[in-house]
Amino acid sequence: LQMNSLKPEDTAVYYCRTIGPSGNYWGQGTQVT
């Protein structure tokens, strides 16, 4: 995820997610401030 022109309202924990025949999975999250 390339994030440009970031704004204060973009501050959050960002989570990766995958969906497929193996199931639905989430990452542990990474903080963007």
PDB file of all heavy atoms in Angstrom:
ATOM      1  N   LEU A   1       0.864  -1.181   0.000  1.00  0.00           N
ATOM      2  CA  LEU A   1       0.000   0.000   0.000  1.00  0.00           C
ATOM      3  C   LEU A   1       0.901   1.232   0.000  1.00  0.00           C
ATOM      4  O   LEU A   1       1.553   1.528   1.009  1.00  0.00           O
ATOM      5  CB  LEU A   1      -0.928   0.017   1.213  1.00  0.00           C
ATOM      6  CG  LEU A   1      -1.963   1.147   1.209  1.00  0.00           C
ATOM      7  CD1 LEU A   1      -2.982   0.934   0.084  1.00  0.00           C
ATOM      8  CD2 LEU A   1      -2.676   1.241   2.557  1.00  0.00           C
ATOM      9  N   GLN A   2       0.950   1.908  -1.127  1.00  0.00           N
ATOM     10  CA  GLN A   2       1.691   3.161  -1.224  1.00  0.00           C
ATOM     11  C   GLN A   2       0.753   4.286  -0.825  1.00  0.00           C
ATOM     12  O   GLN A   2      -0.298   4.466  -1.445  1.00  0.00           O
ATOM     13  CB  GLN A   2       2.193   3.367  -2.652  1.00  0.00           C
ATOM     14  CG  GLN A   2       2.930   4.680  -2.861  1.00  0.00           C
ATOM     15  CD  GLN A   2       4.223   4.742  -2.084  1.00  0.00           C
ATOM     16  OE1 GLN A   2       4.982   3.784  -2.041  1.00  0.00           O
ATOM     17  NE2 GLN A   2       4.487   5.878  -1.454  1.00  0.00           N
ATOM     18  N   MET A   3       1.133   5.014   0.199  1.00  0.00           N
ATOM     19  CA  MET A   3       0.295   6.081   0.733  1.00  0.00           C
ATOM     20  C   MET A   3       0.991   7.419   0.547  1.00  0.00           C
ATOM     21  O   MET A   3       2.068   7.637   1.113  1.00  0.00           O
ATOM     22  CB  MET A   3       0.006   5.833   2.220  1.00  0.00           C
ATOM     23  CG  MET A   3      -0.624   4.470   2.503  1.00  0.00           C
ATOM     24  SD  MET A   3      -1.086   4.241   4.219  1.00  0.00           S
ATOM     25  CE  MET A   3       0.528   4.211   4.987  1.00  0.00           C
ATOM     26  N   ASN A   4       0.404   8.285  -0.245  1.00  0.00           N
ATOM     27  CA  ASN A   4       0.945   9.616  -0.516  1.00  0.00           C
ATOM     28  C   ASN A   4      -0.003  10.681   0.006  1.00  0.00           C
ATOM     29  O   ASN A   4      -1.172  10.407   0.276  1.00  0.00           O
ATOM     30  CB  ASN A   4       1.158   9.801  -2.019  1.00  0.00           C
ATOM     31  CG  ASN A   4       2.150   8.813  -2.601  1.00  0.00           C
ATOM     32  OD1 ASN A   4       3.099   8.387  -1.937  1.00  0.00           O
ATOM     33  ND2 ASN A   4       1.944   8.441  -3.855  1.00  0.00           N
ATOM     34  N   SER A   5       0.513  11.884   0.119  1.00  0.00           N
ATOM     35  CA  SER A   5      -0.301  13.022   0.576  1.00  0.00           C
ATOM     36  C   SER A   5      -1.061  12.671   1.854  1.00  0.00           C
ATOM     37  O   SER A   5      -2.273  12.929   1.972  1.00  0.00           O
ATOM     38  CB  SER A   5      -1.281  13.447  -0.516  1.00  0.00           C
ATOM     39  OG  SER A   5      -0.596  13.794  -1.705  1.00  0.00           O
ATOM     40  N   LEU A   6      -0.350  12.117   2.790  1.00  0.00           N
ATOM     41  CA  LEU A   6      -0.997  11.656   4.027  1.00  0.00           C
ATOM     42  C   LEU A   6      -1.557  12.815   4.840  1.00  0.00           C
ATOM     43  O   LEU A   6      -0.978  13.913   4.871  1.00  0.00           O
ATOM     44  CB  LEU A   6      -0.015  10.844   4.858  1.00  0.00           C
ATOM     45  CG  LEU A   6       0.193   9.413   4.346  1.00  0.00           C
ATOM     46  CD1 LEU A   6       1.491   8.815   4.868  1.00  0.00           C
ATOM     47  CD2 LEU A   6      -0.993   8.542   4.731  1.00  0.00           C
ATOM     48  N   LYS A   7      -2.677  12.552   5.486  1.00  0.00           N
ATOM     49  CA  LYS A   7      -3.384  13.541   6.294  1.00  0.00           C
ATOM     50  C   LYS A   7      -3.477  13.027   7.736  1.00  0.00           C
ATOM     51  O   LYS A   7      -3.437  11.816   7.971  1.00  0.00           O
ATOM     52  CB  LYS A   7      -4.793  13.740   5.749  1.00  0.00           C
ATOM     53  CG  LYS A   7      -4.867  14.129   4.280  1.00  0.00           C
ATOM     54  CD  LYS A   7      -6.301  14.194   3.808  1.00  0.00           C
ATOM     55  CE  LYS A   7      -6.403  14.556   2.335  1.00  0.00           C
ATOM     56  NZ  LYS A   7      -7.813  14.594   1.876  1.00  0.00           N
ATOM     57  N   PRO A   8      -3.646  13.934   8.685  1.00  0.00           N
ATOM     58  CA  PRO A   8      -3.796  13.476  10.080  1.00  0.00           C
ATOM     59  C   PRO A   8      -4.942  12.470  10.247  1.00  0.00           C
ATOM     60  O   PRO A   8      -4.839  11.553  11.079  1.00  0.00           O
ATOM     61  CB  PRO A   8      -4.079  14.780  10.829  1.00  0.00           C
ATOM     62  CG  PRO A   8      -3.372  15.822  10.034  1.00  0.00           C
ATOM     63  CD  PRO A   8      -3.539  15.403   8.599  1.00  0.00           C
ATOM     64  N   GLU A   9      -5.989  12.600   9.455  1.00  0.00           N
ATOM     65  CA  GLU A   9      -7.121  11.672   9.578  1.00  0.00           C
ATOM     66  C   GLU A   9      -6.806  10.278   9.050  1.00  0.00           C
ATOM     67  O   GLU A   9      -7.629   9.364   9.187  1.00  0.00           O
ATOM     68  CB  GLU A   9      -8.368  12.230   8.884  1.00  0.00           C
ATOM     69  CG  GLU A   9      -8.159  12.706   7.467  1.00  0.00           C
ATOM     70  CD  GLU A   9      -7.918  14.206   7.391  1.00  0.00           C
ATOM     71  OE1 GLU A   9      -7.132  14.743   8.209  1.00  0.00           O
ATOM     72  OE2 GLU A   9      -8.497  14.838   6.472  1.00  0.00           O
ATOM     73  N   ASP A  10      -5.646  10.093   8.441  1.00  0.00           N
ATOM     74  CA  ASP A  10      -5.203   8.758   8.032  1.00  0.00           C
ATOM     75  C   ASP A  10      -4.570   7.997   9.196  1.00  0.00           C
ATOM     76  O   ASP A  10      -4.246   6.815   9.048  1.00  0.00           O
ATOM     77  CB  ASP A  10      -4.185   8.847   6.888  1.00  0.00           C
ATOM     78  CG  ASP A  10      -4.794   9.408   5.609  1.00  0.00           C
ATOM     79  OD1 ASP A  10      -5.921   9.018   5.259  1.00  0.00           O
ATOM     80  OD2 ASP A  10      -4.119  10.234   4.967  1.00  0.00           O
ATOM     81  N   THR A  11      -4.380   8.653  10.312  1.00  0.00           N
ATOM     82  CA  THR A  11      -3.797   8.001  11.473  1.00  0.00           C
ATOM     83  C   THR A  11      -4.673   6.849  11.942  1.00  0.00           C
ATOM     84  O   THR A  11      -5.868   7.022  12.184  1.00  0.00           O
ATOM     85  CB  THR A  11      -3.611   9.010  12.617  1.00  0.00           C
ATOM     86  OG1 THR A  11      -2.660  10.001  12.217  1.00  0.00           O
ATOM     87  CG2 THR A  11      -3.128   8.326  13.885  1.00  0.00           C
ATOM     88  N   ALA A  12      -4.079   5.670  12.045  1.00  0.00           N
ATOM     89  CA  ALA A  12      -4.826   4.473  12.423  1.00  0.00           C
ATOM     90  C   ALA A  12      -3.864   3.290  12.492  1.00  0.00           C
ATOM     91  O   ALA A  12      -2.703   3.394  12.082  1.00  0.00           O
ATOM     92  CB  ALA A  12      -5.920   4.169  11.408  1.00  0.00           C
ATOM     93  N   VAL A  13      -4.377   2.182  12.990  1.00  0.00           N
ATOM     94  CA  VAL A  13      -3.674   0.909  12.842  1.00  0.00           C
ATOM     95  C   VAL A  13      -4.160   0.298  11.534  1.00  0.00           C
ATOM     96  O   VAL A  13      -5.368   0.174  11.306  1.00  0.00           O
ATOM     97  CB  VAL A  13      -3.955  -0.037  14.021  1.00  0.00           C
ATOM     98  CG1 VAL A  13      -3.248  -1.377  13.805  1.00  0.00           C
ATOM     99  CG2 VAL A  13      -3.517   0.601  15.331  1.00  0.00           C
ATOM    100  N   TYR A  14      -3.206  -0.065  10.683  1.00  0.00           N
ATOM    101  CA  TYR A  14      -3.526  -0.625   9.373  1.00  0.00           C
ATOM    102  C   TYR A  14      -3.335  -2.141   9.427  1.00  0.00           C
ATOM    103  O   TYR A  14      -2.284  -2.628   9.857  1.00  0.00           O
ATOM    104  CB  TYR A  14      -2.621  -0.009   8.311  1.00  0.00           C
ATOM    105  CG  TYR A  14      -3.057   1.386   7.936  1.00  0.00           C
ATOM    106  CD1 TYR A  14      -2.918   2.441   8.842  1.00  0.00           C
ATOM    107  CD2 TYR A  14      -3.616   1.664   6.685  1.00  0.00           C
ATOM    108  CE1 TYR A  14      -3.330   3.727   8.514  1.00  0.00           C
ATOM    109  CE2 TYR A  14      -4.026   2.938   6.352  1.00  0.00           C
ATOM    110  CZ  TYR A  14      -3.891   3.958   7.271  1.00  0.00           C
ATOM    111  OH  TYR A  14      -4.303   5.240   6.952  1.00  0.00           O
ATOM    112  N   TYR A  15      -4.359  -2.852   8.958  1.00  0.00           N
ATOM    113  CA  TYR A  15      -4.367  -4.305   8.989  1.00  0.00           C
ATOM    114  C   TYR A  15      -4.403  -4.868   7.577  1.00  0.00           C
ATOM    115  O   TYR A  15      -5.183  -4.414   6.732  1.00  0.00           O
ATOM    116  CB  TYR A  15      -5.585  -4.830   9.741  1.00  0.00           C
ATOM    117  CG  TYR A  15      -5.629  -4.469  11.206  1.00  0.00           C
ATOM    118  CD1 TYR A  15      -6.244  -3.304  11.641  1.00  0.00           C
ATOM    119  CD2 TYR A  15      -5.050  -5.313  12.158  1.00  0.00           C
ATOM    120  CE1 TYR A  15      -6.288  -2.978  12.996  1.00  0.00           C
ATOM    121  CE2 TYR A  15      -5.095  -4.998  13.508  1.00  0.00           C
ATOM    122  CZ  TYR A  15      -5.713  -3.823  13.913  1.00  0.00           C
ATOM    123  OH  TYR A  15      -5.749  -3.505  15.251  1.00  0.00           O
ATOM    124  N   CYS A  16      -3.601  -5.878   7.351  1.00  0.00           N
ATOM    125  CA  CYS A  16      -3.613  -6.631   6.107  1.00  0.00           C
ATOM    126  C   CYS A  16      -4.642  -7.755   6.235  1.00  0.00           C
ATOM    127  O   CYS A  16      -4.815  -8.335   7.325  1.00  0.00           O
ATOM    128  CB  CYS A  16      -2.223  -7.206   5.863  1.00  0.00           C
ATOM    129  SG  CYS A  16      -2.063  -8.304   4.461  1.00  0.00           S
ATOM    130  N   ARG A  17      -5.295  -8.085   5.137  1.00  0.00           N
ATOM    131  CA  ARG A  17      -6.276  -9.163   5.132  1.00  0.00           C
ATOM    132  C   ARG A  17      -6.141  -9.965   3.847  1.00  0.00           C
ATOM    133  O   ARG A  17      -5.879  -9.399   2.780  1.00  0.00           O
ATOM    134  CB  ARG A  17      -7.701  -8.598   5.213  1.00  0.00           C
ATOM    135  CG  ARG A  17      -8.796  -9.657   5.267  1.00  0.00           C
ATOM    136  CD  ARG A  17     -10.162  -9.017   5.198  1.00  0.00           C
ATOM    137  NE  ARG A  17     -11.234  -9.987   5.408  1.00  0.00           N
ATOM    138  CZ  ARG A  17     -12.533  -9.706   5.221  1.00  0.00           C
ATOM    139  NH1 ARG A  17     -12.903  -8.498   4.857  1.00  0.00           N
ATOM    140  NH2 ARG A  17     -13.436 -10.642   5.444  1.00  0.00           N
ATOM    141  N   THR A  18      -6.270 -11.291   3.956  1.00  0.00           N
ATOM    142  CA  THR A  18      -6.288 -12.142   2.776  1.00  0.00           C
ATOM    143  C   THR A  18      -7.527 -13.013   2.784  1.00  0.00           C
ATOM    144  O   THR A  18      -7.989 -13.437   3.846  1.00  0.00           O
ATOM    145  CB  THR A  18      -5.045 -13.040   2.699  1.00  0.00           C
ATOM    146  OG1 THR A  18      -5.035 -13.927   3.829  1.00  0.00           O
ATOM    147  CG2 THR A  18      -3.769 -12.237   2.671  1.00  0.00           C
ATOM    148  N   ILE A  19      -8.054 -13.277   1.595  1.00  0.00           N
ATOM    149  CA  ILE A  19      -9.243 -14.111   1.437  1.00  0.00           C
ATOM    150  C   ILE A  19      -8.974 -15.101   0.315  1.00  0.00           C
ATOM    151  O   ILE A  19      -8.521 -14.717  -0.769  1.00  0.00           O
ATOM    152  CB  ILE A  19     -10.475 -13.262   1.074  1.00  0.00           C
ATOM    153  CG1 ILE A  19     -10.745 -12.213   2.160  1.00  0.00           C
ATOM    154  CG2 ILE A  19     -11.700 -14.158   0.887  1.00  0.00           C
ATOM    155  CD1 ILE A  19     -11.814 -11.216   1.786  1.00  0.00           C
ATOM    156  N   GLY A  20      -9.244 -16.374   0.590  1.00  0.00           N
ATOM    157  CA  GLY A  20      -9.045 -17.391  -0.421  1.00  0.00           C
ATOM    158  C   GLY A  20      -9.556 -18.722   0.056  1.00  0.00           C
ATOM    159  O   GLY A  20     -10.159 -18.816   1.130  1.00  0.00           O
ATOM    160  N   PRO A  21      -9.306 -19.782  -0.714  1.00  0.00           N
ATOM    161  CA  PRO A  21      -9.770 -21.120  -0.321  1.00  0.00           C
ATOM    162  C   PRO A  21      -9.227 -21.588   1.028  1.00  0.00           C
ATOM    163  O   PRO A  21      -9.851 -22.435   1.669  1.00  0.00           O
ATOM    164  CB  PRO A  21      -9.252 -22.009  -1.462  1.00  0.00           C
ATOM    165  CG  PRO A  21      -9.135 -21.092  -2.623  1.00  0.00           C
ATOM    166  CD  PRO A  21      -8.693 -19.777  -2.036  1.00  0.00           C
ATOM    167  N   SER A  22      -8.082 -21.042   1.439  1.00  0.00           N
ATOM    168  CA  SER A  22      -7.520 -21.416   2.740  1.00  0.00           C
ATOM    169  C   SER A  22      -8.220 -20.721   3.892  1.00  0.00           C
ATOM    170  O   SER A  22      -8.005 -21.073   5.055  1.00  0.00           O
ATOM    171  CB  SER A  22      -6.028 -21.101   2.790  1.00  0.00           C
ATOM    172  OG  SER A  22      -5.311 -21.871   1.858  1.00  0.00           O
ATOM    173  N   GLY A  23      -9.034 -19.715   3.580  1.00  0.00           N
ATOM    174  CA  GLY A  23      -9.748 -19.002   4.625  1.00  0.00           C
ATOM    175  C   GLY A  23      -9.532 -17.506   4.571  1.00  0.00           C
ATOM    176  O   GLY A  23      -9.004 -16.956   3.606  1.00  0.00           O
ATOM    177  N   ASN A  24      -9.939 -16.848   5.659  1.00  0.00           N
ATOM    178  CA  ASN A  24      -9.917 -15.394   5.801  1.00  0.00           C
ATOM    179  C   ASN A  24      -8.979 -15.070   6.957  1.00  0.00           C
ATOM    180  O   ASN A  24      -9.220 -15.499   8.080  1.00  0.00           O
ATOM    181  CB  ASN A  24     -11.346 -14.949   6.088  1.00  0.00           C
ATOM    182  CG  ASN A  24     -11.480 -13.454   6.270  1.00  0.00           C
ATOM    183  OD1 ASN A  24     -10.511 -12.714   6.191  1.00  0.00           O
ATOM    184  ND2 ASN A  24     -12.695 -13.016   6.522  1.00  0.00           N
ATOM    185  N   TYR A  25      -7.914 -14.315   6.675  1.00  0.00           N
ATOM    186  CA  TYR A  25      -6.903 -14.067   7.701  1.00  0.00           C
ATOM    187  C   TYR A  25      -6.584 -12.585   7.823  1.00  0.00           C
ATOM    188  O   TYR A  25      -6.681 -11.835   6.840  1.00  0.00           O
ATOM    189  CB  TYR A  25      -5.609 -14.831   7.383  1.00  0.00           C
ATOM    190  CG  TYR A  25      -5.790 -16.325   7.401  1.00  0.00           C
ATOM    191  CD1 TYR A  25      -6.155 -17.018   6.239  1.00  0.00           C
ATOM    192  CD2 TYR A  25      -5.632 -17.054   8.578  1.00  0.00           C
ATOM    193  CE1 TYR A  25      -6.337 -18.389   6.265  1.00  0.00           C
ATOM    194  CE2 TYR A  25      -5.814 -18.426   8.594  1.00  0.00           C
ATOM    195  CZ  TYR A  25      -6.169 -19.081   7.445  1.00  0.00           C
ATOM    196  OH  TYR A  25      -6.359 -20.445   7.469  1.00  0.00           O
ATOM    197  N   TRP A  26      -6.171 -12.206   9.044  1.00  0.00           N
ATOM    198  CA  TRP A  26      -5.790 -10.831   9.335  1.00  0.00           C
ATOM    199  C   TRP A  26      -4.355 -10.795   9.866  1.00  0.00           C
ATOM    200  O   TRP A  26      -3.935 -11.700  10.579  1.00  0.00           O
ATOM    201  CB  TRP A  26      -6.711 -10.232  10.400  1.00  0.00           C
ATOM    202  CG  TRP A  26      -8.122 -10.020   9.952  1.00  0.00           C
ATOM    203  CD1 TRP A  26      -9.145 -10.920  10.021  1.00  0.00           C
ATOM    204  CD2 TRP A  26      -8.674  -8.832   9.369  1.00  0.00           C
ATOM    205  NE1 TRP A  26     -10.293 -10.350   9.515  1.00  0.00           N
ATOM    206  CE2 TRP A  26     -10.041  -9.083   9.113  1.00  0.00           C
ATOM    207  CE3 TRP A  26      -8.142  -7.585   9.041  1.00  0.00           C
ATOM    208  CZ2 TRP A  26     -10.874  -8.115   8.538  1.00  0.00           C
ATOM    209  CZ3 TRP A  26      -8.970  -6.639   8.478  1.00  0.00           C
ATOM    210  CH2 TRP A  26     -10.333  -6.909   8.228  1.00  0.00           C
ATOM    211  N   GLY A  27      -3.672  -9.700   9.537  1.00  0.00           N
ATOM    212  CA  GLY A  27      -2.362  -9.458  10.121  1.00  0.00           C
ATOM    213  C   GLY A  27      -2.500  -8.843  11.509  1.00  0.00           C
ATOM    214  O   GLY A  27      -3.602  -8.570  11.983  1.00  0.00           O
ATOM    215  N   GLN A  28      -1.353  -8.611  12.151  1.00  0.00           N
ATOM    216  CA  GLN A  28      -1.357  -8.115  13.516  1.00  0.00           C
ATOM    217  C   GLN A  28      -1.544  -6.604  13.579  1.00  0.00           C
ATOM    218  O   GLN A  28      -1.818  -6.060  14.659  1.00  0.00           O
ATOM    219  CB  GLN A  28      -0.047  -8.503  14.230  1.00  0.00           C
ATOM    220  CG  GLN A  28       1.148  -7.620  13.901  1.00  0.00           C
ATOM    221  CD  GLN A  28       1.764  -7.895  12.546  1.00  0.00           C
ATOM    222  OE1 GLN A  28       1.354  -8.798  11.809  1.00  0.00           O
ATOM    223  NE2 GLN A  28       2.767  -7.108  12.189  1.00  0.00           N
ATOM    224  N   GLY A  29      -1.403  -5.928  12.460  1.00  0.00           N
ATOM    225  CA  GLY A  29      -1.587  -4.487  12.405  1.00  0.00           C
ATOM    226  C   GLY A  29      -0.290  -3.725  12.530  1.00  0.00           C
ATOM    227  O   GLY A  29       0.645  -4.157  13.208  1.00  0.00           O
ATOM    228  N   THR A  30      -0.225  -2.578  11.864  1.00  0.00           N
ATOM    229  CA  THR A  30       0.930  -1.694  11.946  1.00  0.00           C
ATOM    230  C   THR A  30       0.419  -0.261  12.102  1.00  0.00           C
ATOM    231  O   THR A  30      -0.507   0.162  11.403  1.00  0.00           O
ATOM    232  CB  THR A  30       1.848  -1.853  10.715  1.00  0.00           C
ATOM    233  OG1 THR A  30       3.011  -1.044  10.881  1.00  0.00           O
ATOM    234  CG2 THR A  30       1.152  -1.455   9.425  1.00  0.00           C
ATOM    235  N   GLN A  31       1.020   0.466  13.029  1.00  0.00           N
ATOM    236  CA  GLN A  31       0.545   1.804  13.348  1.00  0.00           C
ATOM    237  C   GLN A  31       1.065   2.811  12.329  1.00  0.00           C
ATOM    238  O   GLN A  31       2.269   2.844  12.025  1.00  0.00           O
ATOM    239  CB  GLN A  31       1.012   2.212  14.745  1.00  0.00           C
ATOM    240  CG  GLN A  31       0.638   3.628  15.153  1.00  0.00           C
ATOM    241  CD  GLN A  31      -0.854   3.808  15.387  1.00  0.00           C
ATOM    242  OE1 GLN A  31      -1.487   2.976  16.038  1.00  0.00           O
ATOM    243  NE2 GLN A  31      -1.420   4.893  14.874  1.00  0.00           N
ATOM    244  N   VAL A  32       0.163   3.648  11.839  1.00  0.00           N
ATOM    245  CA  VAL A  32       0.525   4.781  10.989  1.00  0.00           C
ATOM    246  C   VAL A  32       0.034   6.045  11.699  1.00  0.00           C
ATOM    247  O   VAL A  32      -1.151   6.166  12.018  1.00  0.00           O
ATOM    248  CB  VAL A  32      -0.118   4.678   9.592  1.00  0.00           C
ATOM    249  CG1 VAL A  32       0.094   5.969   8.808  1.00  0.00           C
ATOM    250  CG2 VAL A  32       0.455   3.487   8.841  1.00  0.00           C
ATOM    251  N   THR A  33       0.963   6.944  11.960  1.00  0.00           N
ATOM    252  CA  THR A  33       0.630   8.194  12.631  1.00  0.00           C
ATOM    253  C   THR A  33       1.058   9.362  11.757  1.00  0.00           C
ATOM    254  O   THR A  33       2.230   9.443  11.360  1.00  0.00           O
ATOM    255  CB  THR A  33       1.315   8.297  14.000  1.00  0.00           C
ATOM    256  OG1 THR A  33       0.922   7.180  14.815  1.00  0.00           O
ATOM    257  CG2 THR A  33       0.928   9.583  14.706  1.00  0.00           C
TER     258      THR A  33
END
